[in-house]
Amino acid sequence: MTHRRIEYGILGAIVTGYLLVGVLYALQTPAWQAPDEPAHYNYIAQIAENGCCPVIAMGDWDNAYLEALKAARFDPALTADIATIEYEDHQPPLYYLGGAAIYTLAPQQARLAALRIYSVLLGAGVVIFSYLVARQLFPHRTESPDAAG
């Protein structure tokens, strides 16, 4: 029983650390600075506003605009057309369907932060489920579940 408490304590510390770092990153990173963030955000917005599922089309990849945005480090003065960045439309929709619910429920000014935290929570779930899978695969090896976290 003591070993199990230590194991759960380690898992709890790993998940807590993950959540702390993830939420801080989500809240402190300026808008559109995470990789491909505008395209993922716009996929979610398309689902929330138009239903599933977006289709990739001509013009979704505007290289000149993307390069200008990157060169200016996503200067807010250039982000008026950010909704036109839609090149992630080919991705499987499950993550985006969940994100669409968050997008719809969150106030407009908090949507990006809410979606980032949604991603962090999904990541914490991956850590927990990795631990559970390791416990099932290696029930007699006490170090394996902790290493999975």
N, C-alpha and C. Protein backbone atom coordinates (compact mmCIF):
# COMPACT_ATOMS: atom_id res chain seq x y z
N MET A 1 0.82 -1.20 0.00
CA MET A 1 0.00 0.00 0.00
C MET A 1 0.86 1.26 0.00
N THR A 2 1.96 1.25 0.75
CA THR A 2 2.85 2.41 0.79
C THR A 2 3.47 2.66 -0.56
N HIS A 3 3.85 1.56 -1.25
CA HIS A 3 4.44 1.71 -2.59
C HIS A 3 3.46 2.38 -3.54
N ARG A 4 2.20 2.00 -3.47
CA ARG A 4 1.17 2.57 -4.34
C ARG A 4 1.00 4.06 -4.05
N ARG A 5 1.06 4.46 -2.79
CA ARG A 5 0.94 5.88 -2.45
C ARG A 5 2.12 6.67 -3.01
N ILE A 6 3.30 6.10 -2.92
CA ILE A 6 4.48 6.76 -3.48
C ILE A 6 4.32 6.89 -5.00
N GLU A 7 3.86 5.82 -5.62
CA GLU A 7 3.65 5.82 -7.07
C GLU A 7 2.65 6.91 -7.47
N TYR A 8 1.53 6.98 -6.77
CA TYR A 8 0.52 8.00 -7.07
C TYR A 8 1.05 9.40 -6.76
N GLY A 9 1.88 9.50 -5.72
CA GLY A 9 2.49 10.79 -5.39
C GLY A 9 3.41 11.26 -6.50
N ILE A 10 4.19 10.34 -7.06
CA ILE A 10 5.08 10.70 -8.18
C ILE A 10 4.25 11.10 -9.39
N LEU A 11 3.22 10.32 -9.70
CA LEU A 11 2.35 10.66 -10.82
C LEU A 11 1.70 12.02 -10.60
N GLY A 12 1.21 12.26 -9.40
CA GLY A 12 0.60 13.55 -9.08
C GLY A 12 1.58 14.70 -9.25
N ALA A 13 2.81 14.50 -8.84
CA ALA A 13 3.83 15.54 -8.98
C ALA A 13 4.13 15.80 -10.45
N ILE A 14 4.21 14.73 -11.25
CA ILE A 14 4.48 14.89 -12.68
C ILE A 14 3.33 15.65 -13.35
N VAL A 15 2.10 15.23 -13.07
CA VAL A 15 0.94 15.87 -13.69
C VAL A 15 0.82 17.33 -13.21
N THR A 16 1.04 17.57 -11.93
CA THR A 16 0.97 18.93 -11.41
C THR A 16 2.04 19.82 -12.07
N GLY A 17 3.25 19.30 -12.18
CA GLY A 17 4.32 20.06 -12.84
C GLY A 17 3.98 20.34 -14.29
N TYR A 18 3.46 19.33 -14.97
CA TYR A 18 3.06 19.49 -16.36
C TYR A 18 2.00 20.58 -16.48
N LEU A 19 0.97 20.50 -15.65
CA LEU A 19 -0.11 21.49 -15.70
C LEU A 19 0.39 22.89 -15.38
N LEU A 20 1.25 23.01 -14.39
CA LEU A 20 1.78 24.32 -14.02
C LEU A 20 2.56 24.95 -15.17
N VAL A 21 3.50 24.20 -15.73
CA VAL A 21 4.30 24.72 -16.84
C VAL A 21 3.42 24.98 -18.06
N GLY A 22 2.53 24.05 -18.36
CA GLY A 22 1.66 24.20 -19.53
C GLY A 22 0.74 25.40 -19.44
N VAL A 23 0.11 25.59 -18.29
CA VAL A 23 -0.81 26.73 -18.14
C VAL A 23 -0.03 28.04 -18.16
N LEU A 24 1.13 28.08 -17.51
CA LEU A 24 1.94 29.30 -17.56
C LEU A 24 2.35 29.62 -19.00
N TYR A 25 2.77 28.62 -19.74
CA TYR A 25 3.13 28.83 -21.15
C TYR A 25 1.91 29.32 -21.94
N ALA A 26 0.78 28.68 -21.71
CA ALA A 26 -0.45 29.05 -22.44
C ALA A 26 -0.86 30.49 -22.17
N LEU A 27 -0.69 30.94 -20.95
CA LEU A 27 -1.14 32.27 -20.59
C LEU A 27 -0.11 33.36 -20.85
N GLN A 28 1.18 32.99 -20.86
CA GLN A 28 2.24 33.99 -21.01
C GLN A 28 2.74 34.17 -22.44
N THR A 29 2.48 33.20 -23.31
CA THR A 29 2.96 33.30 -24.68
C THR A 29 2.07 34.27 -25.45
N PRO A 30 2.66 35.24 -26.14
CA PRO A 30 1.84 36.18 -26.91
C PRO A 30 1.01 35.46 -27.98
N ALA A 31 -0.07 36.07 -28.37
CA ALA A 31 -0.97 35.48 -29.37
C ALA A 31 -0.22 35.14 -30.65
N TRP A 32 -0.55 34.00 -31.19
CA TRP A 32 -0.08 33.50 -32.48
C TRP A 32 1.39 33.10 -32.49
N GLN A 33 2.02 32.99 -31.33
CA GLN A 33 3.44 32.66 -31.29
C GLN A 33 3.71 31.17 -31.17
N ALA A 34 2.70 30.37 -30.90
CA ALA A 34 2.87 28.91 -30.87
C ALA A 34 2.83 28.40 -32.31
N PRO A 35 3.53 27.30 -32.60
CA PRO A 35 3.61 26.81 -33.99
C PRO A 35 2.24 26.58 -34.63
N ASP A 36 2.05 27.16 -35.79
CA ASP A 36 0.83 27.00 -36.60
C ASP A 36 -0.46 27.41 -35.87
N GLU A 37 -0.32 28.17 -34.81
CA GLU A 37 -1.48 28.51 -33.98
C GLU A 37 -2.61 29.18 -34.75
N PRO A 38 -2.34 30.16 -35.63
CA PRO A 38 -3.47 30.77 -36.33
C PRO A 38 -4.27 29.77 -37.17
N ALA A 39 -3.57 28.85 -37.83
CA ALA A 39 -4.27 27.87 -38.68
C ALA A 39 -5.10 26.91 -37.83
N HIS A 40 -4.58 26.46 -36.70
CA HIS A 40 -5.35 25.57 -35.83
C HIS A 40 -6.54 26.31 -35.22
N TYR A 41 -6.31 27.53 -34.79
CA TYR A 41 -7.40 28.35 -34.23
C TYR A 41 -8.51 28.55 -35.27
N ASN A 42 -8.11 28.84 -36.49
CA ASN A 42 -9.11 29.08 -37.53
C ASN A 42 -9.87 27.82 -37.92
N TYR A 43 -9.23 26.67 -37.84
CA TYR A 43 -9.93 25.39 -38.07
C TYR A 43 -11.05 25.26 -37.03
N ILE A 44 -10.72 25.51 -35.78
CA ILE A 44 -11.71 25.43 -34.69
C ILE A 44 -12.82 26.45 -34.92
N ALA A 45 -12.45 27.67 -35.28
CA ALA A 45 -13.45 28.72 -35.53
C ALA A 45 -14.39 28.33 -36.67
N GLN A 46 -13.83 27.72 -37.72
CA GLN A 46 -14.66 27.29 -38.84
C GLN A 46 -15.70 26.26 -38.41
N ILE A 47 -15.27 25.30 -37.58
CA ILE A 47 -16.21 24.28 -37.10
C ILE A 47 -17.28 24.93 -36.22
N ALA A 48 -16.84 25.80 -35.29
CA ALA A 48 -17.79 26.43 -34.37
C ALA A 48 -18.81 27.28 -35.12
N GLU A 49 -18.38 27.94 -36.18
CA GLU A 49 -19.26 28.87 -36.88
C GLU A 49 -20.01 28.25 -38.06
N ASN A 50 -19.42 27.20 -38.68
CA ASN A 50 -20.02 26.65 -39.90
C ASN A 50 -20.33 25.16 -39.83
N GLY A 51 -19.95 24.49 -38.77
CA GLY A 51 -20.13 23.05 -38.68
C GLY A 51 -18.93 22.30 -39.22
N CYS A 52 -18.93 21.02 -39.01
CA CYS A 52 -17.80 20.18 -39.42
C CYS A 52 -17.96 19.77 -40.86
N CYS A 53 -17.02 19.68 -41.55
CA CYS A 53 -15.60 19.87 -41.35
C CYS A 53 -15.05 20.75 -42.46
N PRO A 54 -14.08 21.60 -42.15
CA PRO A 54 -13.51 22.47 -43.18
C PRO A 54 -12.82 21.66 -44.27
N VAL A 55 -12.77 22.23 -45.44
CA VAL A 55 -12.11 21.61 -46.58
C VAL A 55 -10.99 22.53 -47.03
N ILE A 56 -9.82 21.97 -47.23
CA ILE A 56 -8.70 22.78 -47.69
C ILE A 56 -8.98 23.25 -49.12
N ALA A 57 -8.70 24.51 -49.38
CA ALA A 57 -9.04 25.10 -50.67
C ALA A 57 -7.91 26.03 -51.12
N MET A 58 -7.96 26.40 -52.38
CA MET A 58 -6.99 27.36 -52.91
C MET A 58 -7.04 28.64 -52.07
N GLY A 59 -5.88 29.16 -51.78
CA GLY A 59 -5.79 30.39 -51.00
C GLY A 59 -5.63 30.16 -49.52
N ASP A 60 -5.79 28.92 -49.03
CA ASP A 60 -5.62 28.66 -47.60
C ASP A 60 -4.16 28.86 -47.18
N TRP A 61 -3.24 28.68 -48.12
CA TRP A 61 -1.81 28.89 -47.84
C TRP A 61 -1.38 30.13 -48.60
N ASP A 62 -1.29 31.25 -47.91
CA ASP A 62 -0.84 32.50 -48.51
C ASP A 62 0.58 32.74 -48.02
N ASN A 63 1.54 32.23 -48.78
CA ASN A 63 2.94 32.27 -48.36
C ASN A 63 3.43 33.69 -48.10
N ALA A 64 3.07 34.63 -48.96
CA ALA A 64 3.53 36.00 -48.79
C ALA A 64 3.03 36.58 -47.47
N TYR A 65 1.76 36.35 -47.16
CA TYR A 65 1.19 36.87 -45.91
C TYR A 65 1.83 36.18 -44.71
N LEU A 66 1.99 34.87 -44.78
CA LEU A 66 2.61 34.14 -43.67
C LEU A 66 4.03 34.62 -43.42
N GLU A 67 4.80 34.81 -44.47
CA GLU A 67 6.18 35.29 -44.32
C GLU A 67 6.21 36.70 -43.73
N ALA A 68 5.29 37.55 -44.16
CA ALA A 68 5.22 38.91 -43.61
C ALA A 68 4.88 38.87 -42.13
N LEU A 69 3.93 38.01 -41.75
CA LEU A 69 3.56 37.87 -40.34
C LEU A 69 4.74 37.38 -39.51
N LYS A 70 5.43 36.35 -40.01
CA LYS A 70 6.57 35.81 -39.27
C LYS A 70 7.70 36.84 -39.15
N ALA A 71 7.97 37.54 -40.23
CA ALA A 71 9.04 38.54 -40.21
C ALA A 71 8.73 39.66 -39.21
N ALA A 72 7.45 39.99 -39.07
CA ALA A 72 7.03 41.03 -38.13
C ALA A 72 6.70 40.47 -36.75
N ARG A 73 6.97 39.18 -36.55
CA ARG A 73 6.69 38.49 -35.28
C ARG A 73 5.23 38.67 -34.86
N PHE A 74 4.34 38.54 -35.86
CA PHE A 74 2.89 38.62 -35.66
C PHE A 74 2.48 39.94 -35.01
N ASP A 75 3.06 41.00 -35.51
CA ASP A 75 2.72 42.35 -35.08
C ASP A 75 1.20 42.53 -35.21
N PRO A 76 0.52 42.96 -34.14
CA PRO A 76 -0.93 43.13 -34.20
C PRO A 76 -1.41 44.02 -35.36
N ALA A 77 -0.57 44.90 -35.83
CA ALA A 77 -0.95 45.76 -36.95
C ALA A 77 -1.14 44.96 -38.24
N LEU A 78 -0.56 43.75 -38.30
CA LEU A 78 -0.66 42.92 -39.51
C LEU A 78 -1.64 41.76 -39.36
N THR A 79 -2.26 41.61 -38.22
CA THR A 79 -3.09 40.42 -37.98
C THR A 79 -4.56 40.60 -38.34
N ALA A 80 -4.90 41.67 -39.02
CA ALA A 80 -6.31 41.89 -39.38
C ALA A 80 -6.86 40.76 -40.26
N ASP A 81 -6.00 40.14 -41.08
CA ASP A 81 -6.43 39.07 -41.97
C ASP A 81 -6.06 37.68 -41.45
N ILE A 82 -5.79 37.56 -40.16
CA ILE A 82 -5.32 36.28 -39.61
C ILE A 82 -6.34 35.16 -39.82
N ALA A 83 -7.61 35.51 -39.94
CA ALA A 83 -8.65 34.49 -40.15
C ALA A 83 -8.53 33.81 -41.51
N THR A 84 -7.73 34.37 -42.40
CA THR A 84 -7.55 33.75 -43.72
C THR A 84 -6.52 32.61 -43.71
N ILE A 85 -5.83 32.44 -42.60
CA ILE A 85 -4.83 31.37 -42.50
C ILE A 85 -5.56 30.09 -42.14
N GLU A 86 -5.74 29.21 -43.11
CA GLU A 86 -6.58 28.02 -42.92
C GLU A 86 -5.95 26.75 -43.49
N TYR A 87 -4.64 26.64 -43.45
CA TYR A 87 -3.98 25.52 -44.11
C TYR A 87 -3.97 24.22 -43.31
N GLU A 88 -4.56 24.17 -42.14
CA GLU A 88 -4.60 22.93 -41.35
C GLU A 88 -5.90 22.17 -41.55
N ASP A 89 -6.70 22.53 -42.52
CA ASP A 89 -8.02 21.94 -42.73
C ASP A 89 -7.98 20.44 -43.03
N HIS A 90 -6.83 19.89 -43.33
CA HIS A 90 -6.71 18.47 -43.65
C HIS A 90 -6.59 17.59 -42.42
N GLN A 91 -6.46 18.18 -41.24
CA GLN A 91 -6.25 17.41 -40.01
C GLN A 91 -7.51 16.63 -39.60
N PRO A 92 -7.33 15.48 -38.93
CA PRO A 92 -8.50 14.76 -38.40
C PRO A 92 -9.26 15.65 -37.41
N PRO A 93 -10.59 15.58 -37.38
CA PRO A 93 -11.38 16.59 -36.69
C PRO A 93 -11.61 16.42 -35.19
N LEU A 94 -11.27 15.32 -34.56
CA LEU A 94 -11.69 15.10 -33.17
C LEU A 94 -11.21 16.21 -32.22
N TYR A 95 -9.94 16.52 -32.24
CA TYR A 95 -9.41 17.59 -31.38
C TYR A 95 -10.15 18.90 -31.64
N TYR A 96 -10.38 19.19 -32.89
CA TYR A 96 -11.00 20.45 -33.29
C TYR A 96 -12.48 20.51 -32.91
N LEU A 97 -13.15 19.38 -32.92
CA LEU A 97 -14.55 19.35 -32.48
C LEU A 97 -14.65 19.72 -31.01
N GLY A 98 -13.77 19.15 -30.19
CA GLY A 98 -13.72 19.53 -28.77
C GLY A 98 -13.37 20.99 -28.60
N GLY A 99 -12.41 21.45 -29.40
CA GLY A 99 -12.03 22.86 -29.35
C GLY A 99 -13.16 23.78 -29.75
N ALA A 100 -14.00 23.33 -30.69
CA ALA A 100 -15.13 24.16 -31.11
C ALA A 100 -16.11 24.39 -29.96
N ALA A 101 -16.28 23.40 -29.11
CA ALA A 101 -17.14 23.58 -27.93
C ALA A 101 -16.54 24.64 -26.99
N ILE A 102 -15.23 24.57 -26.78
CA ILE A 102 -14.55 25.56 -25.93
C ILE A 102 -14.67 26.95 -26.56
N TYR A 103 -14.42 27.03 -27.85
CA TYR A 103 -14.51 28.29 -28.61
C TYR A 103 -15.88 28.92 -28.44
N THR A 104 -16.92 28.11 -28.53
CA THR A 104 -18.29 28.60 -28.44
C THR A 104 -18.61 29.09 -27.03
N LEU A 105 -18.11 28.40 -26.02
CA LEU A 105 -18.43 28.74 -24.63
C LEU A 105 -17.60 29.90 -24.08
N ALA A 106 -16.39 30.08 -24.57
CA ALA A 106 -15.49 31.10 -24.02
C ALA A 106 -15.85 32.48 -24.56
N PRO A 107 -15.69 33.50 -23.72
CA PRO A 107 -15.87 34.87 -24.23
C PRO A 107 -14.83 35.14 -25.33
N GLN A 108 -15.17 35.96 -26.28
CA GLN A 108 -14.31 36.18 -27.44
C GLN A 108 -12.88 36.56 -27.05
N GLN A 109 -12.70 37.43 -26.09
CA GLN A 109 -11.37 37.88 -25.71
C GLN A 109 -10.57 36.81 -24.99
N ALA A 110 -11.22 35.74 -24.54
CA ALA A 110 -10.52 34.68 -23.81
C ALA A 110 -10.41 33.38 -24.60
N ARG A 111 -10.86 33.37 -25.85
CA ARG A 111 -10.90 32.13 -26.63
C ARG A 111 -9.53 31.51 -26.83
N LEU A 112 -8.56 32.30 -27.20
CA LEU A 112 -7.24 31.74 -27.47
C LEU A 112 -6.66 31.10 -26.21
N ALA A 113 -6.74 31.78 -25.08
CA ALA A 113 -6.24 31.23 -23.82
C ALA A 113 -7.02 29.97 -23.44
N ALA A 114 -8.33 29.99 -23.61
CA ALA A 114 -9.15 28.82 -23.27
C ALA A 114 -8.77 27.62 -24.13
N LEU A 115 -8.53 27.86 -25.42
CA LEU A 115 -8.13 26.77 -26.31
C LEU A 115 -6.74 26.24 -25.97
N ARG A 116 -5.86 27.13 -25.57
CA ARG A 116 -4.52 26.67 -25.15
C ARG A 116 -4.62 25.81 -23.89
N ILE A 117 -5.44 26.22 -22.95
CA ILE A 117 -5.60 25.44 -21.72
C ILE A 117 -6.28 24.10 -22.02
N TYR A 118 -7.22 24.08 -22.94
CA TYR A 118 -7.83 22.83 -23.41
C TYR A 118 -6.73 21.87 -23.89
N SER A 119 -5.79 22.37 -24.66
CA SER A 119 -4.69 21.54 -25.15
C SER A 119 -3.82 21.03 -24.00
N VAL A 120 -3.57 21.88 -23.03
CA VAL A 120 -2.77 21.48 -21.87
C VAL A 120 -3.49 20.36 -21.10
N LEU A 121 -4.79 20.49 -20.92
CA LEU A 121 -5.55 19.46 -20.21
C LEU A 121 -5.54 18.13 -20.97
N LEU A 122 -5.65 18.20 -22.29
CA LEU A 122 -5.53 16.96 -23.08
C LEU A 122 -4.16 16.33 -22.89
N GLY A 123 -3.13 17.15 -22.86
CA GLY A 123 -1.78 16.64 -22.64
C GLY A 123 -1.63 15.98 -21.27
N ALA A 124 -2.25 16.54 -20.25
CA ALA A 124 -2.22 15.93 -18.92
C ALA A 124 -2.91 14.58 -18.96
N GLY A 125 -3.99 14.50 -19.72
CA GLY A 125 -4.67 13.21 -19.89
C GLY A 125 -3.77 12.17 -20.54
N VAL A 126 -2.96 12.59 -21.49
CA VAL A 126 -2.01 11.67 -22.14
C VAL A 126 -1.01 11.15 -21.10
N VAL A 127 -0.52 12.01 -20.24
CA VAL A 127 0.42 11.58 -19.20
C VAL A 127 -0.24 10.55 -18.29
N ILE A 128 -1.45 10.82 -17.85
CA ILE A 128 -2.16 9.90 -16.94
C ILE A 128 -2.45 8.57 -17.63
N PHE A 129 -2.94 8.62 -18.87
CA PHE A 129 -3.25 7.38 -19.57
C PHE A 129 -1.99 6.59 -19.94
N SER A 130 -0.88 7.26 -20.15
CA SER A 130 0.39 6.56 -20.38
C SER A 130 0.77 5.76 -19.13
N TYR A 131 0.59 6.37 -17.99
CA TYR A 131 0.85 5.69 -16.72
C TYR A 131 -0.06 4.46 -16.58
N LEU A 132 -1.35 4.63 -16.85
CA LEU A 132 -2.30 3.52 -16.71
C LEU A 132 -1.99 2.38 -17.68
N VAL A 133 -1.61 2.71 -18.89
CA VAL A 133 -1.24 1.68 -19.87
C VAL A 133 0.00 0.94 -19.40
N ALA A 134 1.00 1.68 -18.91
CA ALA A 134 2.23 1.04 -18.42
C ALA A 134 1.93 0.11 -17.24
N ARG A 135 1.00 0.50 -16.37
CA ARG A 135 0.63 -0.36 -15.24
C ARG A 135 0.00 -1.66 -15.74
N GLN A 136 -0.79 -1.58 -16.81
CA GLN A 136 -1.43 -2.78 -17.35
C GLN A 136 -0.43 -3.66 -18.10
N LEU A 137 0.47 -3.05 -18.84
CA LEU A 137 1.44 -3.82 -19.62
C LEU A 137 2.52 -4.45 -18.76
N PHE A 138 2.90 -3.78 -17.70
CA PHE A 138 3.99 -4.24 -16.84
C PHE A 138 3.57 -4.24 -15.38
N PRO A 139 2.62 -5.11 -15.00
CA PRO A 139 2.09 -5.06 -13.63
C PRO A 139 3.10 -5.43 -12.55
N HIS A 140 4.15 -6.17 -12.90
CA HIS A 140 5.12 -6.61 -11.88
C HIS A 140 6.37 -5.75 -11.86
N ARG A 141 6.46 -4.80 -12.74
CA ARG A 141 7.64 -3.93 -12.78
C ARG A 141 7.25 -2.57 -12.20
N THR A 142 7.68 -2.31 -11.02
CA THR A 142 7.25 -1.10 -10.32
C THR A 142 7.83 0.18 -10.90
N GLU A 143 8.96 0.10 -11.60
CA GLU A 143 9.55 1.33 -12.14
C GLU A 143 8.90 1.76 -13.46
N SER A 144 8.24 0.88 -14.18
CA SER A 144 7.71 1.19 -15.51
C SER A 144 6.62 2.27 -15.50
N PRO A 145 5.61 2.18 -14.63
CA PRO A 145 4.57 3.21 -14.67
C PRO A 145 5.13 4.60 -14.37
N ASP A 146 6.06 4.69 -13.42
CA ASP A 146 6.62 5.99 -13.10
C ASP A 146 7.43 6.55 -14.26
N ALA A 147 8.11 5.68 -14.98
CA ALA A 147 8.90 6.12 -16.12
C ALA A 147 7.99 6.60 -17.25
N ALA A 148 6.79 6.05 -17.36
CA ALA A 148 5.85 6.47 -18.41
C ALA A 148 5.37 7.88 -18.18
N GLY A 149 5.27 8.31 -16.90
CA GLY A 149 4.80 9.65 -16.59
C GLY A 149 5.85 10.63 -16.93
